[in-house]
């Protein structure tokens, strides 16, 4: 449980993903385009035998009509949306985007991984089950 008494979900899985991100940053370096880090994470996940999907497609609906699709960078362990970034810093904008990604995917946990600088910046975002409907 966290400080406000709510149970954290998928903690071990997110810690493994963050560990992979640190290995990628330490090996590849910082400041490349986001796709480099997405692909490097794929290599690391395969090496660590971590289940993932790269760029699966999720329909986006408005009034029960498909109006587009959401294509996340990665879905890891079938539970976590992973979004790779190379931006100055993670802001409320990226957190809001991730909340929308979680709603569309039906998942509850997302990780934003920022590889812009030599120190990895990451943010774990959770969506309560009530918010997914």
Protein backbone atom coordinates (compact mmCIF):
# COMPACT_ATOMS: atom_id res chain seq x y z
CA UNK A 1 0.00 0.00 0.00
CA UNK A 2 1.09 3.56 -0.57
CA UNK A 3 0.97 6.48 1.89
CA UNK A 4 -2.74 7.16 1.39
CA UNK A 5 -3.71 3.54 2.02
CA UNK A 6 -4.35 2.53 -1.59
CA UNK A 7 -2.79 -0.65 -2.87
CA UNK A 8 -0.20 -0.12 -5.60
CA UNK A 9 -0.62 -2.50 -8.54
CA UNK A 10 1.98 -4.12 -10.77
CA UNK A 11 4.85 -2.72 -8.67
CA UNK A 12 7.28 -5.59 -9.35
CA UNK A 13 6.56 -5.45 -13.07
CA UNK A 14 7.09 -1.69 -13.26
CA UNK A 15 10.34 -2.02 -11.31
CA UNK A 16 11.59 -4.57 -13.85
CA UNK A 17 10.69 -2.27 -16.74
CA UNK A 18 12.45 0.68 -15.07
CA UNK A 19 15.51 -1.52 -14.51
CA UNK A 20 15.54 -2.33 -18.22
CA UNK A 21 15.27 1.39 -19.03
CA UNK A 22 18.31 2.12 -16.83
CA UNK A 23 20.28 -0.61 -18.64
CA UNK A 24 19.27 0.83 -22.02
CA UNK A 25 20.25 4.37 -21.02
CA UNK A 26 23.58 3.21 -19.60
CA UNK A 27 24.37 1.26 -22.78
CA UNK A 28 22.91 3.39 -25.58
CA UNK A 29 23.36 6.82 -24.00
CA UNK A 30 20.95 9.74 -23.92
CA UNK A 31 19.40 12.17 -26.38
CA UNK A 32 18.56 10.01 -29.41
CA UNK A 33 15.11 9.89 -30.99
CA UNK A 34 12.42 8.06 -29.05
CA UNK A 35 12.28 5.13 -31.49
CA UNK A 36 15.89 4.22 -30.60
CA UNK A 37 14.87 3.70 -26.97
CA UNK A 38 11.70 1.85 -27.86
CA UNK A 39 13.71 -0.57 -30.01
CA UNK A 40 16.46 -0.89 -27.39
CA UNK A 41 13.85 -1.73 -24.76
CA UNK A 42 12.53 -4.45 -27.07
CA UNK A 43 16.03 -5.95 -27.23
CA UNK A 44 16.37 -5.74 -23.44
CA UNK A 45 12.92 -7.26 -22.83
CA UNK A 46 13.80 -10.17 -25.11
CA UNK A 47 17.09 -10.63 -23.26
CA UNK A 48 15.27 -10.56 -19.89
CA UNK A 49 12.48 -12.82 -21.26
CA UNK A 50 9.85 -10.18 -20.49
CA UNK A 51 6.61 -10.47 -22.44
CA UNK A 52 5.76 -7.37 -24.51
CA UNK A 53 3.89 -6.15 -27.55
CA UNK A 54 5.38 -3.42 -29.71
CA UNK A 55 2.91 -0.91 -31.16
CA UNK A 56 -0.34 -2.85 -30.77
CA UNK A 57 -3.47 -1.07 -31.96
CA UNK A 58 -6.44 0.00 -29.83
CA UNK A 59 -9.57 1.55 -31.35
CA UNK A 60 -10.67 4.97 -30.10
CA UNK A 61 -14.45 5.45 -29.94
CA UNK A 62 -16.80 8.38 -29.75
CA UNK A 63 -20.49 7.57 -29.26
CA UNK A 64 -19.75 3.90 -29.97
CA UNK A 65 -18.20 4.73 -33.34
CA UNK A 66 -14.52 4.11 -34.06
CA UNK A 67 -12.92 7.46 -34.81
CA UNK A 68 -9.27 6.45 -34.81
CA UNK A 69 -6.74 4.32 -33.06
CA UNK A 70 -4.18 4.53 -30.30
CA UNK A 71 -0.84 2.84 -30.97
CA UNK A 72 1.30 2.72 -27.82
CA UNK A 73 5.04 2.21 -27.99
CA UNK A 74 4.91 -0.91 -25.83
CA UNK A 75 2.57 -2.99 -23.70
CA UNK A 76 4.66 -4.94 -21.18
CA UNK A 77 3.53 -8.00 -19.23
CA UNK A 78 0.11 -7.44 -20.83
CA UNK A 79 -0.45 -4.92 -18.01
CA UNK A 80 1.66 -1.77 -18.48
CA UNK A 81 1.60 0.91 -21.19
CA UNK A 82 5.18 2.12 -21.76
CA UNK A 83 5.73 5.45 -23.49
CA UNK A 84 9.30 6.40 -24.43
CA UNK A 85 10.15 10.10 -24.57
CA UNK A 86 13.07 12.42 -25.25
CA UNK A 87 11.60 15.67 -23.94
CA UNK A 88 12.92 18.40 -21.62
CA UNK A 89 10.87 17.01 -18.71
CA UNK A 90 7.72 15.00 -17.96
CA UNK A 91 4.84 17.40 -17.32
CA UNK A 92 1.14 17.24 -16.54
CA UNK A 93 0.59 17.12 -20.32
CA UNK A 94 2.32 13.74 -20.65
CA UNK A 95 0.60 12.45 -17.52
CA UNK A 96 -2.77 13.47 -18.97
CA UNK A 97 -1.93 11.74 -22.23
CA UNK A 98 -1.02 8.57 -20.34
CA UNK A 99 -4.33 8.63 -18.46
CA UNK A 100 -6.11 8.74 -21.83
CA UNK A 101 -3.92 5.89 -23.11
CA UNK A 102 -4.87 3.82 -20.07
CA UNK A 103 -8.58 4.50 -20.59
CA UNK A 104 -8.41 3.45 -24.24
CA UNK A 105 -6.31 0.35 -23.59
CA UNK A 106 -8.31 -0.76 -20.55
CA UNK A 107 -5.09 -1.03 -18.51
CA UNK A 108 -4.43 0.56 -15.13
CA UNK A 109 -0.68 1.28 -15.11
CA UNK A 110 1.53 3.31 -17.41
CA UNK A 111 5.19 4.25 -17.39
CA UNK A 112 6.57 7.36 -19.04
CA UNK A 113 10.32 6.92 -19.61
CA UNK A 114 12.31 10.02 -20.57
CA UNK A 115 15.73 9.35 -22.12
CA UNK A 116 16.59 12.99 -22.93
CA UNK A 117 19.38 13.32 -20.34
CA UNK A 118 22.06 11.14 -18.76
CA UNK A 119 19.77 10.59 -15.75
CA UNK A 120 16.61 8.63 -16.57
CA UNK A 121 13.40 10.45 -15.68
CA UNK A 122 10.35 8.26 -15.23
CA UNK A 123 6.81 8.60 -14.02
CA UNK A 124 4.45 5.81 -13.01
CA UNK A 125 0.83 6.68 -13.76
CA UNK A 126 -2.13 4.69 -12.44
CA UNK A 127 -5.79 4.81 -13.35
CA UNK A 128 -8.31 3.60 -10.82
CA UNK A 129 -10.60 0.80 -12.05
CA UNK A 130 -13.62 3.14 -11.73
CA UNK A 131 -12.05 5.54 -14.27
CA UNK A 132 -11.67 2.96 -17.05
CA UNK A 133 -15.36 2.76 -18.00
